[in-house]
Amino acid sequence: MNIQEAMEQRHSVRQYEERPMEKDAVEKLQAEIADINMVSGLHVQLILNEPKAFDSTMAHYGKFTGVTNYIAMIGRKSDKLDETCGYYGERLVLLAQMLGLNTCWVGLTFRKIPEVMQIGDGEKLAIVIAIGYGKTQGVQHKSRDTSKVSNLTPDSPVWFRNGMKAVMLAPTAVNQQKFTFTQNENKVRVKAGMGFFSRVDLGIVKYHFEAGAGKENFEWQ
């Protein structure tokens, strides 16, 4: 499975089988997390066999079951933290899909368990990603019309078309898709709208756009 196939096949999953992740998958995720932490300055952590975070009233309200593994997106407090967590978290989400795992971004419906995380001075937990073997593969989310979230036209370059196709496959909080992409020659600007976790969503859609368009074809403005 390549990254395009992972974007197409990955859907949010909230119900998981209660079985541990395979050793090979854990090792590959840990290696990717180590690389991400080195290049981004984040303090991402994979939490394994920890059932308490998703054994709460909020988690049950969110219809989560069987979640014992999750990725904690942690970093130094800044205006860019949420976007950075979205960008690199989606990199992990798509890797997980390629490893035969399922995932779900979770912003509110979980309980923070401080003793299983390392959160340094000046750091915060921005969001988590449930991960494991889903009981289902989830369902495709509904998408807004591309014309509502970009200046895509019949004359737009192929790379921008491909980038927006990838963007529309990206997960966003409550499927709000509150972002706007604007292309001008080889420059692309993306603006986050107002909404829950819209800055995390911004990072997620930027990662999808780069994967679809090819970073060699454009520059962020």
C-alpha atoms as a PDB file:
ATOM      1  CA  MET A   1       0.000   0.000   0.000  1.00  0.00           C
ATOM      2  CA  ASN A   2       1.327   3.428  -0.956  1.00  0.00           C
ATOM      3  CA  ILE A   3       0.389   6.723   0.668  1.00  0.00           C
ATOM      4  CA  GLN A   4      -2.332   7.510  -1.904  1.00  0.00           C
ATOM      5  CA  GLU A   5      -3.985   4.147  -1.218  1.00  0.00           C
ATOM      6  CA  ALA A   6      -3.637   4.752   2.524  1.00  0.00           C
ATOM      7  CA  MET A   7      -5.432   8.110   2.204  1.00  0.00           C
ATOM      8  CA  GLU A   8      -8.249   6.483   0.230  1.00  0.00           C
ATOM      9  CA  GLN A   9      -8.673   3.473   2.519  1.00  0.00           C
ATOM     10  CA  ARG A  10      -8.236   5.137   5.897  1.00  0.00           C
ATOM     11  CA  HIS A  11     -11.414   6.052   7.791  1.00  0.00           C
ATOM     12  CA  SER A  12     -11.987   6.917  11.450  1.00  0.00           C
ATOM     13  CA  VAL A  13     -12.593   3.858  13.651  1.00  0.00           C
ATOM     14  CA  ARG A  14     -13.885   3.990  17.227  1.00  0.00           C
ATOM     15  CA  GLN A  15     -14.402   0.301  18.066  1.00  0.00           C
ATOM     16  CA  TYR A  16     -11.315  -1.877  18.431  1.00  0.00           C
ATOM     17  CA  GLU A  17     -10.453  -5.498  19.020  1.00  0.00           C
ATOM     18  CA  GLU A  18      -8.901  -6.051  22.420  1.00  0.00           C
ATOM     19  CA  ARG A  19      -5.588  -7.462  21.261  1.00  0.00           C
ATOM     20  CA  PRO A  20      -2.045  -6.101  21.388  1.00  0.00           C
ATOM     21  CA  MET A  21      -0.384  -4.598  18.363  1.00  0.00           C
ATOM     22  CA  GLU A  22       2.117  -6.788  16.579  1.00  0.00           C
ATOM     23  CA  LYS A  23       5.753  -6.239  17.495  1.00  0.00           C
ATOM     24  CA  ASP A  24       6.789  -5.249  13.967  1.00  0.00           C
ATOM     25  CA  ALA A  25       4.098  -2.578  13.779  1.00  0.00           C
ATOM     26  CA  VAL A  26       5.101  -1.169  17.168  1.00  0.00           C
ATOM     27  CA  GLU A  27       8.762  -1.009  16.165  1.00  0.00           C
ATOM     28  CA  LYS A  28       7.987   0.803  12.904  1.00  0.00           C
ATOM     29  CA  LEU A  29       5.745   3.305  14.672  1.00  0.00           C
ATOM     30  CA  GLN A  30       8.366   3.932  17.354  1.00  0.00           C
ATOM     31  CA  ALA A  31      11.020   4.506  14.689  1.00  0.00           C
ATOM     32  CA  GLU A  32       8.768   6.989  12.870  1.00  0.00           C
ATOM     33  CA  ILE A  33       7.956   8.769  16.123  1.00  0.00           C
ATOM     34  CA  ALA A  34      11.659   9.076  16.937  1.00  0.00           C
ATOM     35  CA  ASP A  35      12.300  10.659  13.537  1.00  0.00           C
ATOM     36  CA  ILE A  36       9.336  13.011  13.884  1.00  0.00           C
ATOM     37  CA  ASN A  37      10.449  14.158  17.323  1.00  0.00           C
ATOM     38  CA  MET A  38      13.933  14.838  16.001  1.00  0.00           C
ATOM     39  CA  VAL A  39      12.859  16.916  12.985  1.00  0.00           C
ATOM     40  CA  SER A  40       9.854  18.676  14.528  1.00  0.00           C
ATOM     41  CA  GLY A  41      10.827  19.279  18.135  1.00  0.00           C
ATOM     42  CA  LEU A  42       7.651  17.530  19.296  1.00  0.00           C
ATOM     43  CA  HIS A  43       7.540  15.018  22.162  1.00  0.00           C
ATOM     44  CA  VAL A  44       5.185  12.440  20.590  1.00  0.00           C
ATOM     45  CA  GLN A  45       4.673   9.225  22.552  1.00  0.00           C
ATOM     46  CA  LEU A  46       3.080   5.862  21.776  1.00  0.00           C
ATOM     47  CA  ILE A  47       1.089   4.648  24.785  1.00  0.00           C
ATOM     48  CA  LEU A  48       0.450   0.891  24.818  1.00  0.00           C
ATOM     49  CA  ASN A  49      -1.884  -1.328  26.846  1.00  0.00           C
ATOM     50  CA  GLU A  50      -3.437   1.573  28.751  1.00  0.00           C
ATOM     51  CA  PRO A  51      -7.249   1.219  28.970  1.00  0.00           C
ATOM     52  CA  LYS A  52      -8.129   4.007  31.419  1.00  0.00           C
ATOM     53  CA  ALA A  53      -8.038   6.967  28.999  1.00  0.00           C
ATOM     54  CA  PHE A  54     -10.925   5.531  26.998  1.00  0.00           C
ATOM     55  CA  ASP A  55     -12.832   4.016  29.917  1.00  0.00           C
ATOM     56  CA  SER A  56     -14.720   7.137  30.910  1.00  0.00           C
ATOM     57  CA  THR A  57     -18.159   8.640  30.485  1.00  0.00           C
ATOM     58  CA  MET A  58     -16.879  10.949  27.739  1.00  0.00           C
ATOM     59  CA  ALA A  59     -15.268   8.077  25.836  1.00  0.00           C
ATOM     60  CA  HIS A  60     -18.404   5.965  26.056  1.00  0.00           C
ATOM     61  CA  TYR A  61     -20.428   8.965  24.916  1.00  0.00           C
ATOM     62  CA  GLY A  62     -18.087   9.148  21.929  1.00  0.00           C
ATOM     63  CA  LYS A  63     -18.786   5.444  21.259  1.00  0.00           C
ATOM     64  CA  PHE A  64     -15.199   4.346  21.815  1.00  0.00           C
ATOM     65  CA  THR A  65     -14.697   0.699  22.811  1.00  0.00           C
ATOM     66  CA  GLY A  66     -11.642  -1.507  23.105  1.00  0.00           C
ATOM     67  CA  VAL A  67      -9.124   1.356  22.909  1.00  0.00           C
ATOM     68  CA  THR A  68      -5.984   0.465  24.864  1.00  0.00           C
ATOM     69  CA  ASN A  69      -3.363   2.057  22.598  1.00  0.00           C
ATOM     70  CA  TYR A  70      -3.026   5.674  21.535  1.00  0.00           C
ATOM     71  CA  ILE A  71      -0.526   8.226  20.308  1.00  0.00           C
ATOM     72  CA  ALA A  72      -0.097  11.284  22.531  1.00  0.00           C
ATOM     73  CA  MET A  73       0.728  14.384  20.486  1.00  0.00           C
ATOM     74  CA  ILE A  74       2.776  16.482  22.909  1.00  0.00           C
ATOM     75  CA  GLY A  75       4.979  19.500  22.334  1.00  0.00           C
ATOM     76  CA  ARG A  76       6.103  22.864  23.612  1.00  0.00           C
ATOM     77  CA  LYS A  77       3.326  25.426  23.981  1.00  0.00           C
ATOM     78  CA  SER A  78       3.217  27.771  20.998  1.00  0.00           C
ATOM     79  CA  ASP A  79       0.836  29.228  18.444  1.00  0.00           C
ATOM     80  CA  LYS A  80       2.015  26.568  15.960  1.00  0.00           C
ATOM     81  CA  LEU A  81       1.709  23.517  18.237  1.00  0.00           C
ATOM     82  CA  ASP A  82      -1.732  22.385  17.077  1.00  0.00           C
ATOM     83  CA  GLU A  83      -0.842  22.708  13.392  1.00  0.00           C
ATOM     84  CA  THR A  84       2.450  20.887  13.890  1.00  0.00           C
ATOM     85  CA  CYS A  85       0.699  18.079  15.772  1.00  0.00           C
ATOM     86  CA  GLY A  86      -1.857  17.771  12.980  1.00  0.00           C
ATOM     87  CA  TYR A  87       0.816  17.603  10.284  1.00  0.00           C
ATOM     88  CA  TYR A  88       3.029  15.011  11.934  1.00  0.00           C
ATOM     89  CA  GLY A  89       0.165  13.131  13.526  1.00  0.00           C
ATOM     90  CA  GLU A  90      -1.364  12.510  10.108  1.00  0.00           C
ATOM     91  CA  ARG A  91       1.991  11.195   8.942  1.00  0.00           C
ATOM     92  CA  LEU A  92       1.666   8.585  11.710  1.00  0.00           C
ATOM     93  CA  VAL A  93      -2.003   7.933  10.908  1.00  0.00           C
ATOM     94  CA  LEU A  94      -1.195   7.072   7.302  1.00  0.00           C
ATOM     95  CA  LEU A  95       1.762   4.922   8.314  1.00  0.00           C
ATOM     96  CA  ALA A  96      -0.559   3.060  10.686  1.00  0.00           C
ATOM     97  CA  GLN A  97      -2.965   2.411   7.813  1.00  0.00           C
ATOM     98  CA  MET A  98      -0.120   0.996   5.738  1.00  0.00           C
ATOM     99  CA  LEU A  99       0.768  -1.279   8.669  1.00  0.00           C
ATOM    100  CA  GLY A 100      -2.751  -2.717   8.775  1.00  0.00           C
ATOM    101  CA  LEU A 101      -3.890  -0.637  11.750  1.00  0.00           C
ATOM    102  CA  ASN A 102      -6.844   1.673  12.249  1.00  0.00           C
ATOM    103  CA  THR A 103      -6.946   5.096  13.888  1.00  0.00           C
ATOM    104  CA  CYS A 104      -9.133   7.931  15.084  1.00  0.00           C
ATOM    105  CA  TRP A 105      -8.195  11.501  15.978  1.00  0.00           C
ATOM    106  CA  VAL A 106      -9.573  12.316  19.446  1.00  0.00           C
ATOM    107  CA  GLY A 107      -9.709  15.834  20.835  1.00  0.00           C
ATOM    108  CA  LEU A 108     -12.114  15.729  23.757  1.00  0.00           C
ATOM    109  CA  THR A 109     -13.687  12.336  24.447  1.00  0.00           C
ATOM    110  CA  PHE A 110     -10.840  10.793  26.439  1.00  0.00           C
ATOM    111  CA  ARG A 111      -9.368  11.174  29.919  1.00  0.00           C
ATOM    112  CA  LYS A 112      -5.810  12.389  30.361  1.00  0.00           C
ATOM    113  CA  ILE A 113      -3.714   9.864  32.353  1.00  0.00           C
ATOM    114  CA  PRO A 114      -0.612  11.886  33.381  1.00  0.00           C
ATOM    115  CA  GLU A 115       1.342   8.960  34.860  1.00  0.00           C
ATOM    116  CA  VAL A 116       1.725   7.209  31.489  1.00  0.00           C
ATOM    117  CA  MET A 117       3.046  10.281  29.656  1.00  0.00           C
ATOM    118  CA  GLN A 118       6.165  12.394  29.877  1.00  0.00           C
ATOM    119  CA  ILE A 119       5.097  16.021  29.664  1.00  0.00           C
ATOM    120  CA  GLY A 120       7.962  18.398  30.336  1.00  0.00           C
ATOM    121  CA  ASP A 121       7.936  21.956  31.611  1.00  0.00           C
ATOM    122  CA  GLY A 122       6.420  24.230  28.987  1.00  0.00           C
ATOM    123  CA  GLU A 123       4.854  21.299  27.137  1.00  0.00           C
ATOM    124  CA  LYS A 124       1.208  20.303  26.681  1.00  0.00           C
ATOM    125  CA  LEU A 125      -0.836  17.436  25.355  1.00  0.00           C
ATOM    126  CA  ALA A 126      -2.561  18.815  22.254  1.00  0.00           C
ATOM    127  CA  ILE A 127      -4.563  15.807  21.037  1.00  0.00           C
ATOM    128  CA  VAL A 128      -4.395  12.009  20.894  1.00  0.00           C
ATOM    129  CA  ILE A 129      -4.848   9.384  18.192  1.00  0.00           C
ATOM    130  CA  ALA A 130      -6.537   6.088  19.062  1.00  0.00           C
ATOM    131  CA  ILE A 131      -4.777   3.221  17.300  1.00  0.00           C
ATOM    132  CA  GLY A 132      -5.191  -0.523  16.999  1.00  0.00           C
ATOM    133  CA  TYR A 133      -7.048  -3.215  15.085  1.00  0.00           C
ATOM    134  CA  GLY A 134     -10.523  -1.975  14.301  1.00  0.00           C
ATOM    135  CA  LYS A 135     -13.615  -4.133  14.452  1.00  0.00           C
ATOM    136  CA  THR A 136     -14.495  -2.479  11.127  1.00  0.00           C
ATOM    137  CA  GLN A 137     -12.640  -0.352   8.600  1.00  0.00           C
ATOM    138  CA  GLY A 138     -14.905   2.637   9.219  1.00  0.00           C
ATOM    139  CA  VAL A 139     -16.939   4.486   6.608  1.00  0.00           C
ATOM    140  CA  GLN A 140     -16.030   7.225   4.158  1.00  0.00           C
ATOM    141  CA  HIS A 141     -16.882  10.724   5.336  1.00  0.00           C
ATOM    142  CA  LYS A 142     -18.988  13.103   3.295  1.00  0.00           C
ATOM    143  CA  SER A 143     -17.066  15.904   1.608  1.00  0.00           C
ATOM    144  CA  ARG A 144     -17.924  19.463   0.696  1.00  0.00           C
ATOM    145  CA  ASP A 145     -17.639  20.463  -2.934  1.00  0.00           C
ATOM    146  CA  THR A 146     -14.020  21.319  -3.772  1.00  0.00           C
ATOM    147  CA  SER A 147     -15.136  24.683  -5.147  1.00  0.00           C
ATOM    148  CA  LYS A 148     -16.288  25.622  -1.637  1.00  0.00           C
ATOM    149  CA  VAL A 149     -12.824  25.161  -0.122  1.00  0.00           C
ATOM    150  CA  SER A 150     -10.455  26.231  -2.932  1.00  0.00           C
ATOM    151  CA  ASN A 151     -10.092  28.257  -6.098  1.00  0.00           C
ATOM    152  CA  LEU A 152      -9.817  25.097  -8.205  1.00  0.00           C
ATOM    153  CA  THR A 153     -10.947  25.618 -11.819  1.00  0.00           C
ATOM    154  CA  PRO A 154     -10.895  23.493 -14.996  1.00  0.00           C
ATOM    155  CA  ASP A 155      -7.653  25.264 -15.897  1.00  0.00           C
ATOM    156  CA  SER A 156      -5.862  24.507 -12.612  1.00  0.00           C
ATOM    157  CA  PRO A 157      -2.585  22.577 -12.926  1.00  0.00           C
ATOM    158  CA  VAL A 158      -2.666  18.815 -12.466  1.00  0.00           C
ATOM    159  CA  TRP A 159      -0.596  18.975  -9.281  1.00  0.00           C
ATOM    160  CA  PHE A 160      -3.146  21.334  -7.664  1.00  0.00           C
ATOM    161  CA  ARG A 161      -5.984  19.014  -8.691  1.00  0.00           C
ATOM    162  CA  ASN A 162      -4.149  16.064  -7.184  1.00  0.00           C
ATOM    163  CA  GLY A 163      -3.399  18.018  -4.028  1.00  0.00           C
ATOM    164  CA  MET A 164      -7.027  18.970  -3.528  1.00  0.00           C
ATOM    165  CA  LYS A 165      -8.160  15.412  -4.203  1.00  0.00           C
ATOM    166  CA  ALA A 166      -5.894  14.305  -1.355  1.00  0.00           C
ATOM    167  CA  VAL A 167      -7.125  17.142   0.864  1.00  0.00           C
ATOM    168  CA  MET A 168     -10.745  16.044   0.512  1.00  0.00           C
ATOM    169  CA  LEU A 169      -9.741  12.616   1.873  1.00  0.00           C
ATOM    170  CA  ALA A 170      -8.284  14.173   5.023  1.00  0.00           C
ATOM    171  CA  PRO A 171      -9.997  13.753   8.400  1.00  0.00           C
ATOM    172  CA  THR A 172     -11.149  16.927  10.157  1.00  0.00           C
ATOM    173  CA  ALA A 173     -12.867  17.530  13.489  1.00  0.00           C
ATOM    174  CA  VAL A 174     -16.568  16.590  13.211  1.00  0.00           C
ATOM    175  CA  ASN A 175     -15.931  16.532   9.451  1.00  0.00           C
ATOM    176  CA  GLN A 176     -16.116  20.325   9.382  1.00  0.00           C
ATOM    177  CA  GLN A 177     -13.604  20.855   6.521  1.00  0.00           C
ATOM    178  CA  LYS A 178     -13.147  24.495   7.515  1.00  0.00           C
ATOM    179  CA  PHE A 179     -10.179  25.522   5.384  1.00  0.00           C
ATOM    180  CA  THR A 180      -9.561  27.381   2.133  1.00  0.00           C
ATOM    181  CA  PHE A 181      -6.807  26.653  -0.410  1.00  0.00           C
ATOM    182  CA  THR A 182      -5.752  29.316  -2.909  1.00  0.00           C
ATOM    183  CA  GLN A 183      -3.376  28.606  -5.802  1.00  0.00           C
ATOM    184  CA  ASN A 184      -1.512  31.303  -7.757  1.00  0.00           C
ATOM    185  CA  GLU A 185       1.037  29.931 -10.242  1.00  0.00           C
ATOM    186  CA  ASN A 186       3.290  27.704  -8.120  1.00  0.00           C
ATOM    187  CA  LYS A 187       2.311  29.341  -4.811  1.00  0.00           C
ATOM    188  CA  VAL A 188      -0.342  27.895  -2.498  1.00  0.00           C
ATOM    189  CA  ARG A 189      -1.924  29.544   0.506  1.00  0.00           C
ATOM    190  CA  VAL A 190      -4.166  27.717   2.959  1.00  0.00           C
ATOM    191  CA  LYS A 191      -6.241  29.404   5.628  1.00  0.00           C
ATOM    192  CA  ALA A 192      -7.926  27.733   8.592  1.00  0.00           C
ATOM    193  CA  GLY A 193     -11.511  28.607   9.373  1.00  0.00           C
ATOM    194  CA  MET A 194     -13.141  28.863  12.778  1.00  0.00           C
ATOM    195  CA  GLY A 195     -14.103  25.664  14.549  1.00  0.00           C
ATOM    196  CA  PHE A 196     -13.086  22.940  16.977  1.00  0.00           C
ATOM    197  CA  PHE A 197      -9.445  21.944  16.483  1.00  0.00           C
ATOM    198  CA  SER A 198      -9.279  23.874  13.215  1.00  0.00           C
ATOM    199  CA  ARG A 199      -5.534  24.439  13.671  1.00  0.00           C
ATOM    200  CA  VAL A 200      -4.956  20.696  14.043  1.00  0.00           C
ATOM    201  CA  ASP A 201      -7.060  20.212  10.910  1.00  0.00           C
ATOM    202  CA  LEU A 202      -4.851  22.746   9.129  1.00  0.00           C
ATOM    203  CA  GLY A 203      -1.778  20.619   9.748  1.00  0.00           C
ATOM    204  CA  ILE A 204      -3.596  17.468   8.630  1.00  0.00           C
ATOM    205  CA  VAL A 205      -4.785  18.941   5.324  1.00  0.00           C
ATOM    206  CA  LYS A 206      -1.366  20.457   4.602  1.00  0.00           C
ATOM    207  CA  TYR A 207       0.205  17.016   4.935  1.00  0.00           C
ATOM    208  CA  HIS A 208      -2.415  15.536   2.599  1.00  0.00           C
ATOM    209  CA  PHE A 209      -1.938  18.333   0.068  1.00  0.00           C
ATOM    210  CA  GLU A 210       1.829  17.836  -0.015  1.00  0.00           C
ATOM    211  CA  ALA A 211       1.398  14.068  -0.437  1.00  0.00           C
ATOM    212  CA  GLY A 212      -1.051  14.530  -3.311  1.00  0.00           C
ATOM    213  CA  ALA A 213       0.515  17.496  -5.116  1.00  0.00           C
ATOM    214  CA  GLY A 214       4.175  16.649  -4.611  1.00  0.00           C
ATOM    215  CA  LYS A 215       6.256  19.112  -2.619  1.00  0.00           C
ATOM    216  CA  GLU A 216       8.510  19.695  -5.634  1.00  0.00           C
ATOM    217  CA  ASN A 217       5.648  21.276  -7.585  1.00  0.00           C
ATOM    218  CA  PHE A 218       4.729  24.230  -5.365  1.00  0.00           C
ATOM    219  CA  GLU A 219       5.690  26.510  -2.480  1.00  0.00           C
ATOM    220  CA  TRP A 220       3.617  27.384   0.558  1.00  0.00           C
ATOM    221  CA  GLN A 221       2.831  31.090   0.727  1.00  0.00           C
END
